[in-house]
Structure formats: structure tokens, C-alpha cells
Amino acid sequence: GTDIPSAQYGGRHGVTMLPGGGIGPELMGYVREIFRYCGAPIDFEVIDIDPSTEGNEDLEYAITSIKRNGVALKGNIETKSQSLSEVSRNVAIRNELDLYVNVVHCKSYPGIPARHKDIDIVLIRQNTDGEYAMLEHESVRGVVESMKVVTVENAERVARYAFEYARQNNRKRVTTIHKANIMKLSDGLFLEVANRVHKDYPELEHNNMIIDNTCMQAVSNPHQFDVMNMTNLYGTIVSNVICGLIGGAGLISGRNYGDHYAIFEPGIRNTGTAIAGKNIANPVAMINASIDMLNHLGHNEHAKVIYDATYQTIVNDAIRTPG
């Protein structure tokens, strides 16, 4: 819980909206329609980032807007350029704003066909360190090196966030995911930092699990997990697996936090280009992201109205997207 400033005037908040590519723009259209109906006191500043351009003007404009507003709602931004120097805009935004932690709450919806029922797992992953440092180079022709970066500072920030989240939300256990049996220095450091931070939270259990075993356990016995603490790449893999268990990519939202800014987006970072424009994309993940954003800004009543309506549509009315 950091105190994140937000642009506010007359009880209304300015929020940066980055529709992104694929299904992003149509999902944002649904969010704006819902906000209009329920009178949510949000004024969106919409910024489109063109994925096919090499320049960074759009990106810089977006980052300036988020710094001004403090909060953003975003879709997934494609990186179409084949240039090796062109980095993912999604990663660039997270790095520039130091959004060091990503939180994905995977909770089952009653009545949605799923491989397991009553799943309730909070995935807390690094956003900035790890394999996503984007440090790759061809050292000699035909040999490519990719660096994985683990720092004490970022490992500690994420571990502390995980334990603090568990404490404040009456969770019992944090599981740190790693591959320290092979990557003894990098993942070893991540695990060592988590063990050290755990000492400040004696009432919580802490265990660790190797990433490959985690994937098997997530599929066969997901109820053993409560809060999970992991590096960037492992978090991407595990969140996709668990979201798949509870009904797919279109349900779960993701929250990105730093000390000063917050970005809300669908939990599975997928552009959904193949189904764009067909009016069949599941809007629930983006709607849930907008609910997270409203709660973050203190508009809890509006958030509850939208959440209750969404829940009733899915659970009681049993309305589904085709697929």
C-alpha cells in the first residue's frame, strides 16, 4: 500500500487510457459505456500508440500522461517493428514508471466451465528484473546471449509486497517460485531474499517450489497455493496456466504498481488480434481491470455496482461469449 497521487479535480479523476492493439479498443469502448451508465467520476485521456512506427513519440506522450494522472487503464500494445533495437512498449512503460510488481488475483467464477473449482490464488510477480531486462546481444555470429538480471533491491520489493499483501488480506502462505537448483546465483539470490524477508512475517508460512514442479502442481492440485512470489518469466507462465484452469484469458485482471504510479490491464497480456472486430471478445478481464482502478482511486461504490452487475451477468444470467 503506497500512497499513489492521482490527478483529481472536483471529485473527478483524470485517467490515461491506452487501448493498445487487437481487441483492446473495442474492450475500452465497453468500459466507457459502462462508466457512462453508472456515472463513474472518471475522465479518460485516450492515447493510441501506433505499433508499426519506429519512433517513440507516442510512447513518451503516454508516459507523460500517466505521470500526470498517476493512473492508467491499458490494453496490450503490439510490437510490430522487426528492429532489434525496438523494445516492447509494454515493458518500456513498466520500466520507465518503475512499476516493479504485477498482481493477478485468480479466483474462480461459479458456473463457468473450468478444470478446477474454488481456486483463489494471488500471483505476485516481478515486472522489471529477470529475463525482461531485455539485455540480449549476439556475441559472435551464431551465438546469442540473453542476460537475466536479479537485484537484491527489486527481489526485496516484490517479496515484501507479497508478504505484506498476505498479511493485510488474511492469507496464510507465500510460495516463492524459482529454479535455484540450476540457476544457483540468480534464482538463488531471489530465494535467499524471500527467506530473509519472511523473518519479518513470522505468522505467515513460507515455502518454495521449483518452476517446473509448480506447473505440474498448478494443474493437478492448485488449491495448495495461496500467494505466489516469482520473477518475471515464471510469473507469465504460471499466470497463464492458472487462468487457463479457471476459464481462460478473458476473465482475470492484472494490477501493476510502483511507488508513484499504477496501471490496470487484463491479467493475461494478450492482444487477441485473431478475434478483433468480431464482437466476440470476452470483456470481463478489462471490466475487472476498470473495477480495480476505481477501487484504487477510492470510488468503491461505483466499483461495487459494476462488479455486482458483472457477477450477476456471468453467474446468475449465465451469459457467455461464443467460443
C-alpha atoms as a PDB file:
ATOM      1  CA  GLY A   1       0.000   0.000   0.000  1.00  0.00           C
ATOM      2  CA  THR A   2       1.943   3.000  -1.221  1.00  0.00           C
ATOM      3  CA  ASP A   3       0.349   6.401  -1.360  1.00  0.00           C
ATOM      4  CA  ILE A   4      -0.004   6.989  -5.085  1.00  0.00           C
ATOM      5  CA  PRO A   5      -1.008  10.503  -6.173  1.00  0.00           C
ATOM      6  CA  SER A   6      -3.712  10.919  -8.768  1.00  0.00           C
ATOM      7  CA  ALA A   7      -4.975  13.848 -10.780  1.00  0.00           C
ATOM      8  CA  GLN A   8      -8.234  14.949  -9.188  1.00  0.00           C
ATOM      9  CA  TYR A   9     -10.485  17.949  -9.602  1.00  0.00           C
ATOM     10  CA  GLY A  10     -13.988  18.416  -8.255  1.00  0.00           C
ATOM     11  CA  GLY A  11     -14.186  14.798  -7.129  1.00  0.00           C
ATOM     12  CA  ARG A  12     -13.335  13.521 -10.617  1.00  0.00           C
ATOM     13  CA  HIS A  13     -10.161  11.748 -11.668  1.00  0.00           C
ATOM     14  CA  GLY A  14      -8.231  12.014 -14.895  1.00  0.00           C
ATOM     15  CA  VAL A  15      -7.055   8.585 -16.064  1.00  0.00           C
ATOM     16  CA  THR A  16      -4.819   7.716 -19.014  1.00  0.00           C
ATOM     17  CA  MET A  17      -6.402   5.152 -21.356  1.00  0.00           C
ATOM     18  CA  LEU A  18      -4.119   3.152 -23.649  1.00  0.00           C
ATOM     19  CA  PRO A  19      -6.404   0.954 -25.814  1.00  0.00           C
ATOM     20  CA  GLY A  20      -3.491  -0.963 -27.368  1.00  0.00           C
ATOM     21  CA  GLY A  21      -3.948  -3.347 -30.284  1.00  0.00           C
ATOM     22  CA  GLY A  22      -6.228  -6.235 -31.238  1.00  0.00           C
ATOM     23  CA  ILE A  23      -9.365  -6.327 -29.099  1.00  0.00           C
ATOM     24  CA  GLY A  24      -8.147  -3.503 -26.832  1.00  0.00           C
ATOM     25  CA  PRO A  25     -10.068  -0.626 -28.488  1.00  0.00           C
ATOM     26  CA  GLU A  26     -13.420  -2.454 -28.510  1.00  0.00           C
ATOM     27  CA  LEU A  27     -12.988  -3.535 -24.866  1.00  0.00           C
ATOM     28  CA  MET A  28     -12.224   0.063 -23.893  1.00  0.00           C
ATOM     29  CA  GLY A  29     -15.432   1.059 -25.669  1.00  0.00           C
ATOM     30  CA  TYR A  30     -17.391  -1.246 -23.359  1.00  0.00           C
ATOM     31  CA  VAL A  31     -15.658   0.199 -20.292  1.00  0.00           C
ATOM     32  CA  ARG A  32     -16.507   3.769 -21.316  1.00  0.00           C
ATOM     33  CA  GLU A  33     -20.123   2.790 -21.964  1.00  0.00           C
ATOM     34  CA  ILE A  34     -20.401   1.144 -18.525  1.00  0.00           C
ATOM     35  CA  PHE A  35     -18.777   4.147 -16.823  1.00  0.00           C
ATOM     36  CA  ARG A  36     -21.280   6.462 -18.555  1.00  0.00           C
ATOM     37  CA  TYR A  37     -24.227   4.356 -17.382  1.00  0.00           C
ATOM     38  CA  CYS A  38     -23.119   4.233 -13.751  1.00  0.00           C
ATOM     39  CA  GLY A  39     -21.824   7.813 -13.618  1.00  0.00           C
ATOM     40  CA  ALA A  40     -18.263   6.873 -12.628  1.00  0.00           C
ATOM     41  CA  PRO A  41     -16.364  10.148 -11.974  1.00  0.00           C
ATOM     42  CA  ILE A  42     -13.541   9.374 -14.408  1.00  0.00           C
ATOM     43  CA  ASP A  43     -12.344  11.438 -17.360  1.00  0.00           C
ATOM     44  CA  PHE A  44     -10.267   9.362 -19.760  1.00  0.00           C
ATOM     45  CA  GLU A  45      -7.339  10.780 -21.692  1.00  0.00           C
ATOM     46  CA  VAL A  46      -7.107   8.365 -24.637  1.00  0.00           C
ATOM     47  CA  ILE A  47      -3.698   7.830 -26.222  1.00  0.00           C
ATOM     48  CA  ASP A  48      -3.173   5.459 -29.150  1.00  0.00           C
ATOM     49  CA  ILE A  49       0.306   4.047 -29.576  1.00  0.00           C
ATOM     50  CA  ASP A  50       0.996   3.040 -33.172  1.00  0.00           C
ATOM     51  CA  PRO A  51       2.832  -0.319 -33.007  1.00  0.00           C
ATOM     52  CA  SER A  52       4.251  -0.090 -36.516  1.00  0.00           C
ATOM     53  CA  THR A  53       6.266   3.092 -36.011  1.00  0.00           C
ATOM     54  CA  GLU A  54       9.918   3.057 -35.033  1.00  0.00           C
ATOM     55  CA  GLY A  55       9.793   6.363 -33.157  1.00  0.00           C
ATOM     56  CA  ASN A  56       8.911   6.733 -29.505  1.00  0.00           C
ATOM     57  CA  GLU A  57       6.868   9.940 -29.615  1.00  0.00           C
ATOM     58  CA  ASP A  58       3.571   8.149 -28.860  1.00  0.00           C
ATOM     59  CA  LEU A  59       5.226   6.238 -26.040  1.00  0.00           C
ATOM     60  CA  GLU A  60       6.716   9.361 -24.484  1.00  0.00           C
ATOM     61  CA  TYR A  61       3.352  11.119 -24.726  1.00  0.00           C
ATOM     62  CA  ALA A  62       1.694   8.152 -22.972  1.00  0.00           C
ATOM     63  CA  ILE A  63       4.287   8.082 -20.189  1.00  0.00           C
ATOM     64  CA  THR A  64       3.957  11.852 -19.643  1.00  0.00           C
ATOM     65  CA  SER A  65       0.182  11.424 -19.397  1.00  0.00           C
ATOM     66  CA  ILE A  66       0.480   8.603 -16.840  1.00  0.00           C
ATOM     67  CA  LYS A  67       2.939  10.662 -14.786  1.00  0.00           C
ATOM     68  CA  ARG A  68       0.413  13.499 -14.796  1.00  0.00           C
ATOM     69  CA  ASN A  69      -2.631  11.372 -13.951  1.00  0.00           C
ATOM     70  CA  GLY A  70      -0.933   8.780 -11.737  1.00  0.00           C
ATOM     71  CA  VAL A  71      -3.193   6.005 -13.059  1.00  0.00           C
ATOM     72  CA  ALA A  72      -3.786   4.251 -16.388  1.00  0.00           C
ATOM     73  CA  LEU A  73      -6.079   1.614 -17.881  1.00  0.00           C
ATOM     74  CA  LYS A  74      -4.374  -0.227 -20.714  1.00  0.00           C
ATOM     75  CA  GLY A  75      -4.748  -2.902 -23.332  1.00  0.00           C
ATOM     76  CA  ASN A  76      -1.811  -4.836 -24.756  1.00  0.00           C
ATOM     77  CA  ILE A  77       0.382  -2.833 -27.127  1.00  0.00           C
ATOM     78  CA  GLU A  78       1.811  -4.836 -30.013  1.00  0.00           C
ATOM     79  CA  THR A  79       5.437  -4.510 -31.061  1.00  0.00           C
ATOM     80  CA  LYS A  80       5.343  -4.885 -34.850  1.00  0.00           C
ATOM     81  CA  SER A  81       8.769  -3.497 -35.650  1.00  0.00           C
ATOM     82  CA  GLN A  82      11.356  -6.145 -36.520  1.00  0.00           C
ATOM     83  CA  SER A  83      14.205  -3.843 -35.482  1.00  0.00           C
ATOM     84  CA  LEU A  84      16.390  -5.430 -32.804  1.00  0.00           C
ATOM     85  CA  SER A  85      16.655  -2.067 -31.080  1.00  0.00           C
ATOM     86  CA  GLU A  86      12.870  -1.812 -30.772  1.00  0.00           C
ATOM     87  CA  VAL A  87      11.799  -2.871 -27.292  1.00  0.00           C
ATOM     88  CA  SER A  88       8.326  -3.944 -26.234  1.00  0.00           C
ATOM     89  CA  ARG A  89       6.295  -0.822 -25.460  1.00  0.00           C
ATOM     90  CA  ASN A  90       4.565  -2.687 -22.635  1.00  0.00           C
ATOM     91  CA  VAL A  91       7.892  -3.473 -20.968  1.00  0.00           C
ATOM     92  CA  ALA A  92       9.206   0.040 -21.665  1.00  0.00           C
ATOM     93  CA  ILE A  93       6.223   1.621 -19.879  1.00  0.00           C
ATOM     94  CA  ARG A  94       6.654  -0.627 -16.841  1.00  0.00           C
ATOM     95  CA  ASN A  95      10.390   0.102 -16.687  1.00  0.00           C
ATOM     96  CA  GLU A  96      10.074   3.854 -17.202  1.00  0.00           C
ATOM     97  CA  LEU A  97       7.440   4.180 -14.442  1.00  0.00           C
ATOM     98  CA  ASP A  98       9.226   1.651 -12.200  1.00  0.00           C
ATOM     99  CA  LEU A  99       6.087  -0.486 -11.877  1.00  0.00           C
ATOM    100  CA  TYR A 100       8.023  -3.175 -10.087  1.00  0.00           C
ATOM    101  CA  VAL A 101       5.180  -5.518  -9.140  1.00  0.00           C
ATOM    102  CA  ASN A 102       2.336  -7.190 -11.044  1.00  0.00           C
ATOM    103  CA  VAL A 103      -0.602  -8.625  -9.085  1.00  0.00           C
ATOM    104  CA  VAL A 104      -3.019 -11.115 -10.672  1.00  0.00           C
ATOM    105  CA  HIS A 105      -5.814 -12.470  -8.467  1.00  0.00           C
ATOM    106  CA  CYS A 106      -7.017 -15.771  -9.973  1.00  0.00           C
ATOM    107  CA  LYS A 107     -10.410 -16.530  -8.462  1.00  0.00           C
ATOM    108  CA  SER A 108     -12.977 -18.942  -9.866  1.00  0.00           C
ATOM    109  CA  TYR A 109     -16.383 -17.774 -11.031  1.00  0.00           C
ATOM    110  CA  PRO A 110     -19.171 -20.193 -10.055  1.00  0.00           C
ATOM    111  CA  GLY A 111     -20.809 -21.741 -13.098  1.00  0.00           C
ATOM    112  CA  ILE A 112     -18.011 -21.115 -15.587  1.00  0.00           C
ATOM    113  CA  PRO A 113     -16.760 -24.409 -17.053  1.00  0.00           C
ATOM    114  CA  ALA A 114     -13.306 -24.948 -15.570  1.00  0.00           C
ATOM    115  CA  ARG A 115     -10.905 -27.757 -14.757  1.00  0.00           C
ATOM    116  CA  HIS A 116     -10.917 -26.920 -11.041  1.00  0.00           C
ATOM    117  CA  LYS A 117     -13.463 -25.194  -8.836  1.00  0.00           C
ATOM    118  CA  ASP A 118     -12.950 -22.731  -5.956  1.00  0.00           C
ATOM    119  CA  ILE A 119      -9.472 -21.587  -6.955  1.00  0.00           C
ATOM    120  CA  ASP A 120      -8.340 -18.446  -5.132  1.00  0.00           C
ATOM    121  CA  ILE A 121      -4.661 -17.691  -5.776  1.00  0.00           C
ATOM    122  CA  VAL A 122      -2.845 -14.352  -5.800  1.00  0.00           C
ATOM    123  CA  LEU A 123       0.125 -14.240  -8.178  1.00  0.00           C
ATOM    124  CA  ILE A 124       2.712 -11.595  -7.381  1.00  0.00           C
ATOM    125  CA  ARG A 125       5.474 -11.277  -9.941  1.00  0.00           C
ATOM    126  CA  GLN A 126       8.345  -9.008 -10.728  1.00  0.00           C
ATOM    127  CA  ASN A 127       7.768  -6.569 -13.539  1.00  0.00           C
ATOM    128  CA  THR A 128      11.206  -5.102 -14.097  1.00  0.00           C
ATOM    129  CA  ASP A 129      14.049  -7.537 -13.281  1.00  0.00           C
ATOM    130  CA  GLY A 130      14.617 -11.048 -14.611  1.00  0.00           C
ATOM    131  CA  GLU A 131      14.651 -12.074 -18.253  1.00  0.00           C
ATOM    132  CA  TYR A 132      12.647  -8.985 -19.190  1.00  0.00           C
ATOM    133  CA  ALA A 133      15.661  -6.736 -18.665  1.00  0.00           C
ATOM    134  CA  MET A 134      15.883  -7.077 -22.480  1.00  0.00           C
ATOM    135  CA  LEU A 135      19.665  -7.388 -22.446  1.00  0.00           C
ATOM    136  CA  GLU A 136      20.355  -9.581 -25.467  1.00  0.00           C
ATOM    137  CA  HIS A 137      23.244  -9.481 -27.884  1.00  0.00           C
ATOM    138  CA  GLU A 138      24.988 -11.619 -30.473  1.00  0.00           C
ATOM    139  CA  SER A 139      28.483 -12.002 -29.048  1.00  0.00           C
ATOM    140  CA  VAL A 140      29.846 -13.721 -32.149  1.00  0.00           C
ATOM    141  CA  ARG A 141      27.950 -14.696 -35.274  1.00  0.00           C
ATOM    142  CA  GLY A 142      25.558 -17.533 -34.468  1.00  0.00           C
ATOM    143  CA  VAL A 143      25.891 -17.139 -30.678  1.00  0.00           C
ATOM    144  CA  VAL A 144      23.316 -15.088 -28.794  1.00  0.00           C
ATOM    145  CA  GLU A 145      23.484 -14.257 -25.105  1.00  0.00           C
ATOM    146  CA  SER A 146      20.491 -13.162 -23.057  1.00  0.00           C
ATOM    147  CA  MET A 147      21.069 -11.788 -19.580  1.00  0.00           C
ATOM    148  CA  LYS A 148      18.799 -12.433 -16.641  1.00  0.00           C
ATOM    149  CA  VAL A 149      19.188  -9.746 -14.003  1.00  0.00           C
ATOM    150  CA  VAL A 150      18.291 -10.257 -10.338  1.00  0.00           C
ATOM    151  CA  THR A 151      18.947  -7.436  -7.889  1.00  0.00           C
ATOM    152  CA  VAL A 152      18.567  -7.501  -4.127  1.00  0.00           C
ATOM    153  CA  GLU A 153      16.575  -4.271  -4.257  1.00  0.00           C
ATOM    154  CA  ASN A 154      13.915  -5.477  -6.691  1.00  0.00           C
ATOM    155  CA  ALA A 155      13.754  -9.012  -5.268  1.00  0.00           C
ATOM    156  CA  GLU A 156      13.169  -7.485  -1.839  1.00  0.00           C
ATOM    157  CA  ARG A 157      10.497  -5.065  -3.037  1.00  0.00           C
ATOM    158  CA  VAL A 158       8.497  -7.865  -4.630  1.00  0.00           C
ATOM    159  CA  ALA A 159       8.956 -10.296  -1.723  1.00  0.00           C
ATOM    160  CA  ARG A 160       7.921  -7.624   0.777  1.00  0.00           C
ATOM    161  CA  TYR A 161       4.906  -6.765  -1.346  1.00  0.00           C
ATOM    162  CA  ALA A 162       3.899 -10.454  -1.384  1.00  0.00           C
ATOM    163  CA  PHE A 163       4.232 -10.915   2.378  1.00  0.00           C
ATOM    164  CA  GLU A 164       2.571  -7.577   3.112  1.00  0.00           C
ATOM    165  CA  TYR A 165      -0.306  -8.484   0.790  1.00  0.00           C
ATOM    166  CA  ALA A 166      -0.688 -11.843   2.550  1.00  0.00           C
ATOM    167  CA  ARG A 167      -0.733 -10.189   5.970  1.00  0.00           C
ATOM    168  CA  GLN A 168      -3.242  -7.493   5.032  1.00  0.00           C
ATOM    169  CA  ASN A 169      -5.592  -9.885   3.230  1.00  0.00           C
ATOM    170  CA  ASN A 170      -5.615 -12.678   5.831  1.00  0.00           C
ATOM    171  CA  ARG A 171      -3.705 -15.095   3.642  1.00  0.00           C
ATOM    172  CA  LYS A 172      -1.753 -17.915   5.254  1.00  0.00           C
ATOM    173  CA  ARG A 173       1.148 -18.800   2.980  1.00  0.00           C
ATOM    174  CA  VAL A 174       3.561 -17.332   0.462  1.00  0.00           C
ATOM    175  CA  THR A 175       5.235 -19.694  -2.031  1.00  0.00           C
ATOM    176  CA  THR A 176       8.372 -18.455  -3.784  1.00  0.00           C
ATOM    177  CA  ILE A 177       8.836 -19.937  -7.269  1.00  0.00           C
ATOM    178  CA  HIS A 178      12.369 -20.424  -8.591  1.00  0.00           C
ATOM    179  CA  LYS A 179      14.890 -22.582 -10.449  1.00  0.00           C
ATOM    180  CA  ALA A 180      17.693 -22.170  -7.915  1.00  0.00           C
ATOM    181  CA  ASN A 181      18.778 -25.802  -8.349  1.00  0.00           C
ATOM    182  CA  ILE A 182      20.148 -24.802 -11.779  1.00  0.00           C
ATOM    183  CA  MET A 183      20.474 -21.007 -11.622  1.00  0.00           C
ATOM    184  CA  LYS A 184      22.194 -21.006  -8.273  1.00  0.00           C
ATOM    185  CA  LEU A 185      23.296 -17.372  -8.279  1.00  0.00           C
ATOM    186  CA  SER A 186      20.325 -15.546  -9.854  1.00  0.00           C
ATOM    187  CA  ASP A 187      17.351 -17.563  -8.616  1.00  0.00           C
ATOM    188  CA  GLY A 188      19.395 -18.432  -5.534  1.00  0.00           C
ATOM    189  CA  LEU A 189      19.529 -14.726  -4.687  1.00  0.00           C
ATOM    190  CA  PHE A 190      15.790 -14.271  -5.328  1.00  0.00           C
ATOM    191  CA  LEU A 191      15.019 -17.173  -2.971  1.00  0.00           C
ATOM    192  CA  GLU A 192      17.527 -16.040  -0.359  1.00  0.00           C
ATOM    193  CA  VAL A 193      15.963 -12.552  -0.270  1.00  0.00           C
ATOM    194  CA  ALA A 194      12.457 -14.037   0.109  1.00  0.00           C
ATOM    195  CA  ASN A 195      13.644 -16.201   3.012  1.00  0.00           C
ATOM    196  CA  ARG A 196      15.139 -13.149   4.683  1.00  0.00           C
ATOM    197  CA  VAL A 197      12.012 -11.001   4.236  1.00  0.00           C
ATOM    198  CA  HIS A 198       9.881 -13.840   5.649  1.00  0.00           C
ATOM    199  CA  LYS A 199      11.573 -13.342   9.034  1.00  0.00           C
ATOM    200  CA  ASP A 200       9.614 -10.092   9.388  1.00  0.00           C
ATOM    201  CA  TYR A 201       6.347 -12.014   8.956  1.00  0.00           C
ATOM    202  CA  PRO A 202       6.584 -14.898  11.436  1.00  0.00           C
ATOM    203  CA  GLU A 203       2.827 -15.526  11.452  1.00  0.00           C
ATOM    204  CA  LEU A 204       2.899 -16.474   7.745  1.00  0.00           C
ATOM    205  CA  GLU A 205       4.082 -19.747   6.254  1.00  0.00           C
ATOM    206  CA  HIS A 206       6.711 -19.568   3.530  1.00  0.00           C
ATOM    207  CA  ASN A 207       7.700 -22.404   1.235  1.00  0.00           C
ATOM    208  CA  ASN A 208       9.432 -22.566  -2.132  1.00  0.00           C
ATOM    209  CA  MET A 209       8.869 -24.604  -5.253  1.00  0.00           C
ATOM    210  CA  ILE A 210      10.828 -25.184  -8.454  1.00  0.00           C
ATOM    211  CA  ILE A 211       9.106 -23.705 -11.526  1.00  0.00           C
ATOM    212  CA  ASP A 212       8.659 -26.978 -13.469  1.00  0.00           C
ATOM    213  CA  ASN A 213       7.101 -28.719 -10.470  1.00  0.00           C
ATOM    214  CA  THR A 214       4.951 -25.617  -9.912  1.00  0.00           C
ATOM    215  CA  CYS A 215       3.361 -26.020 -13.355  1.00  0.00           C
ATOM    216  CA  MET A 216       2.515 -29.661 -12.642  1.00  0.00           C
ATOM    217  CA  GLN A 217       1.189 -28.843  -9.147  1.00  0.00           C
ATOM    218  CA  ALA A 218      -0.866 -25.930 -10.504  1.00  0.00           C
ATOM    219  CA  VAL A 219      -2.635 -28.278 -12.904  1.00  0.00           C
ATOM    220  CA  SER A 220      -3.020 -31.245 -10.537  1.00  0.00           C
ATOM    221  CA  ASN A 221      -3.526 -29.585  -7.138  1.00  0.00           C
ATOM    222  CA  PRO A 222      -3.925 -25.797  -7.404  1.00  0.00           C
ATOM    223  CA  HIS A 223      -5.655 -25.433  -4.029  1.00  0.00           C
ATOM    224  CA  GLN A 224      -2.328 -25.797  -2.217  1.00  0.00           C
ATOM    225  CA  PHE A 225      -1.337 -22.299  -3.420  1.00  0.00           C
ATOM    226  CA  ASP A 226      -2.301 -19.091  -1.656  1.00  0.00           C
ATOM    227  CA  VAL A 227       0.065 -16.208  -2.535  1.00  0.00           C
ATOM    228  CA  MET A 228       2.870 -16.843  -5.045  1.00  0.00           C
ATOM    229  CA  ASN A 229       6.057 -14.755  -5.309  1.00  0.00           C
ATOM    230  CA  MET A 230       8.072 -15.068  -8.518  1.00  0.00           C
ATOM    231  CA  THR A 231      10.302 -13.489 -11.105  1.00  0.00           C
ATOM    232  CA  ASN A 232       9.003 -12.107 -14.361  1.00  0.00           C
ATOM    233  CA  LEU A 233       9.144 -15.031 -16.797  1.00  0.00           C
ATOM    234  CA  TYR A 234       7.949 -17.645 -14.286  1.00  0.00           C
ATOM    235  CA  GLY A 235       5.077 -15.330 -13.378  1.00  0.00           C
ATOM    236  CA  THR A 236       4.000 -15.082 -17.010  1.00  0.00           C
ATOM    237  CA  ILE A 237       3.967 -18.860 -17.380  1.00  0.00           C
ATOM    238  CA  VAL A 238       2.217 -19.634 -14.089  1.00  0.00           C
ATOM    239  CA  SER A 239      -0.439 -16.926 -14.505  1.00  0.00           C
ATOM    240  CA  ASN A 240      -1.326 -18.261 -17.968  1.00  0.00           C
ATOM    241  CA  VAL A 241      -1.581 -21.818 -16.619  1.00  0.00           C
ATOM    242  CA  ILE A 242      -3.805 -20.846 -13.685  1.00  0.00           C
ATOM    243  CA  CYS A 243      -6.011 -18.501 -15.722  1.00  0.00           C
ATOM    244  CA  GLY A 244      -6.472 -21.407 -18.132  1.00  0.00           C
ATOM    245  CA  LEU A 245      -7.659 -23.577 -15.246  1.00  0.00           C
ATOM    246  CA  ILE A 246     -10.401 -21.162 -14.243  1.00  0.00           C
ATOM    247  CA  GLY A 247     -11.827 -20.293 -17.640  1.00  0.00           C
ATOM    248  CA  GLY A 248      -9.323 -18.658 -19.946  1.00  0.00           C
ATOM    249  CA  ALA A 249      -7.763 -15.313 -20.746  1.00  0.00           C
ATOM    250  CA  GLY A 250     -10.899 -13.201 -20.781  1.00  0.00           C
ATOM    251  CA  LEU A 251     -11.774 -13.111 -17.088  1.00  0.00           C
ATOM    252  CA  ILE A 252      -8.895 -12.049 -14.871  1.00  0.00           C
ATOM    253  CA  SER A 253      -7.434  -8.563 -14.433  1.00  0.00           C
ATOM    254  CA  GLY A 254      -3.884  -7.558 -13.573  1.00  0.00           C
ATOM    255  CA  ARG A 255      -2.596  -4.646 -11.480  1.00  0.00           C
ATOM    256  CA  ASN A 256       0.832  -3.040 -11.856  1.00  0.00           C
ATOM    257  CA  TYR A 257       2.175  -0.931  -9.014  1.00  0.00           C
ATOM    258  CA  GLY A 258       5.211   1.206  -8.344  1.00  0.00           C
ATOM    259  CA  ASP A 259       5.797   3.711  -5.586  1.00  0.00           C
ATOM    260  CA  HIS A 260       4.206   6.524  -7.605  1.00  0.00           C
ATOM    261  CA  TYR A 261       2.023   5.113 -10.377  1.00  0.00           C
ATOM    262  CA  ALA A 262      -0.453   2.306 -11.078  1.00  0.00           C
ATOM    263  CA  ILE A 263      -1.573   0.661 -14.329  1.00  0.00           C
ATOM    264  CA  PHE A 264      -4.556  -1.678 -14.624  1.00  0.00           C
ATOM    265  CA  GLU A 265      -4.925  -4.158 -17.506  1.00  0.00           C
ATOM    266  CA  PRO A 266      -6.208  -7.667 -18.345  1.00  0.00           C
ATOM    267  CA  GLY A 267      -4.238 -10.282 -16.377  1.00  0.00           C
ATOM    268  CA  ILE A 268      -3.220 -12.255 -19.465  1.00  0.00           C
ATOM    269  CA  ARG A 269      -1.313  -9.835 -21.644  1.00  0.00           C
ATOM    270  CA  ASN A 270      -2.766 -10.975 -24.956  1.00  0.00           C
ATOM    271  CA  THR A 271      -3.765  -8.687 -27.841  1.00  0.00           C
ATOM    272  CA  GLY A 272      -6.385 -11.144 -29.159  1.00  0.00           C
ATOM    273  CA  THR A 273      -5.768  -9.923 -32.720  1.00  0.00           C
ATOM    274  CA  ALA A 274      -7.404 -13.028 -34.248  1.00  0.00           C
ATOM    275  CA  ILE A 275     -10.819 -12.154 -32.789  1.00  0.00           C
ATOM    276  CA  ALA A 276     -10.625  -8.360 -33.064  1.00  0.00           C
ATOM    277  CA  GLY A 277     -13.639  -6.590 -34.565  1.00  0.00           C
ATOM    278  CA  LYS A 278     -15.929  -9.631 -34.366  1.00  0.00           C
ATOM    279  CA  ASN A 279     -17.728  -8.590 -31.161  1.00  0.00           C
ATOM    280  CA  ILE A 280     -16.950 -11.962 -29.561  1.00  0.00           C
ATOM    281  CA  ALA A 281     -14.083 -10.994 -27.236  1.00  0.00           C
ATOM    282  CA  ASN A 282     -14.768 -11.528 -23.550  1.00  0.00           C
ATOM    283  CA  PRO A 283     -14.793  -8.057 -21.950  1.00  0.00           C
ATOM    284  CA  VAL A 284     -14.755  -9.273 -18.324  1.00  0.00           C
ATOM    285  CA  ALA A 285     -10.974  -9.025 -17.788  1.00  0.00           C
ATOM    286  CA  MET A 286     -10.939  -5.398 -18.938  1.00  0.00           C
ATOM    287  CA  ILE A 287     -14.092  -4.623 -16.939  1.00  0.00           C
ATOM    288  CA  ASN A 288     -12.428  -6.158 -13.869  1.00  0.00           C
ATOM    289  CA  ALA A 289      -9.339  -4.028 -14.543  1.00  0.00           C
ATOM    290  CA  SER A 290     -11.562  -0.937 -14.554  1.00  0.00           C
ATOM    291  CA  ILE A 291     -13.130  -2.092 -11.254  1.00  0.00           C
ATOM    292  CA  ASP A 292      -9.630  -2.464  -9.749  1.00  0.00           C
ATOM    293  CA  MET A 293      -8.857   1.056 -10.949  1.00  0.00           C
ATOM    294  CA  LEU A 294     -11.998   2.521  -9.366  1.00  0.00           C
ATOM    295  CA  ASN A 295     -11.226   0.808  -6.053  1.00  0.00           C
ATOM    296  CA  HIS A 296      -7.664   2.118  -6.200  1.00  0.00           C
ATOM    297  CA  LEU A 297      -8.968   5.675  -6.664  1.00  0.00           C
ATOM    298  CA  GLY A 298     -11.418   5.281  -3.783  1.00  0.00           C
ATOM    299  CA  HIS A 299     -14.579   5.118  -5.909  1.00  0.00           C
ATOM    300  CA  ASN A 300     -15.656   1.943  -4.141  1.00  0.00           C
ATOM    301  CA  GLU A 301     -19.399   2.384  -4.631  1.00  0.00           C
ATOM    302  CA  HIS A 302     -19.103   2.681  -8.402  1.00  0.00           C
ATOM    303  CA  ALA A 303     -16.723  -0.288  -8.399  1.00  0.00           C
ATOM    304  CA  LYS A 304     -19.233  -2.382  -6.445  1.00  0.00           C
ATOM    305  CA  VAL A 305     -22.119  -1.524  -8.783  1.00  0.00           C
ATOM    306  CA  ILE A 306     -20.084  -2.650 -11.818  1.00  0.00           C
ATOM    307  CA  TYR A 307     -18.718  -5.744 -10.041  1.00  0.00           C
ATOM    308  CA  ASP A 308     -22.193  -6.847  -8.894  1.00  0.00           C
ATOM    309  CA  ALA A 309     -23.635  -6.363 -12.391  1.00  0.00           C
ATOM    310  CA  THR A 310     -20.760  -8.293 -13.986  1.00  0.00           C
ATOM    311  CA  TYR A 311     -21.022 -11.108 -11.440  1.00  0.00           C
ATOM    312  CA  GLN A 312     -24.780 -11.374 -11.944  1.00  0.00           C
ATOM    313  CA  THR A 313     -24.375 -11.449 -15.736  1.00  0.00           C
ATOM    314  CA  ILE A 314     -21.870 -14.310 -15.543  1.00  0.00           C
ATOM    315  CA  VAL A 315     -23.162 -16.323 -12.586  1.00  0.00           C
ATOM    316  CA  ASN A 316     -26.922 -15.767 -12.415  1.00  0.00           C
ATOM    317  CA  ASP A 317     -27.827 -14.900 -16.010  1.00  0.00           C
ATOM    318  CA  ALA A 318     -25.182 -17.338 -17.352  1.00  0.00           C
ATOM    319  CA  ILE A 319     -24.388 -15.099 -20.314  1.00  0.00           C
ATOM    320  CA  ARG A 320     -21.254 -16.208 -22.176  1.00  0.00           C
ATOM    321  CA  THR A 321     -19.135 -15.123 -25.103  1.00  0.00           C
ATOM    322  CA  PRO A 322     -19.166 -17.567 -28.048  1.00  0.00           C
ATOM    323  CA  GLY A 323     -16.178 -19.850 -28.283  1.00  0.00           C
END
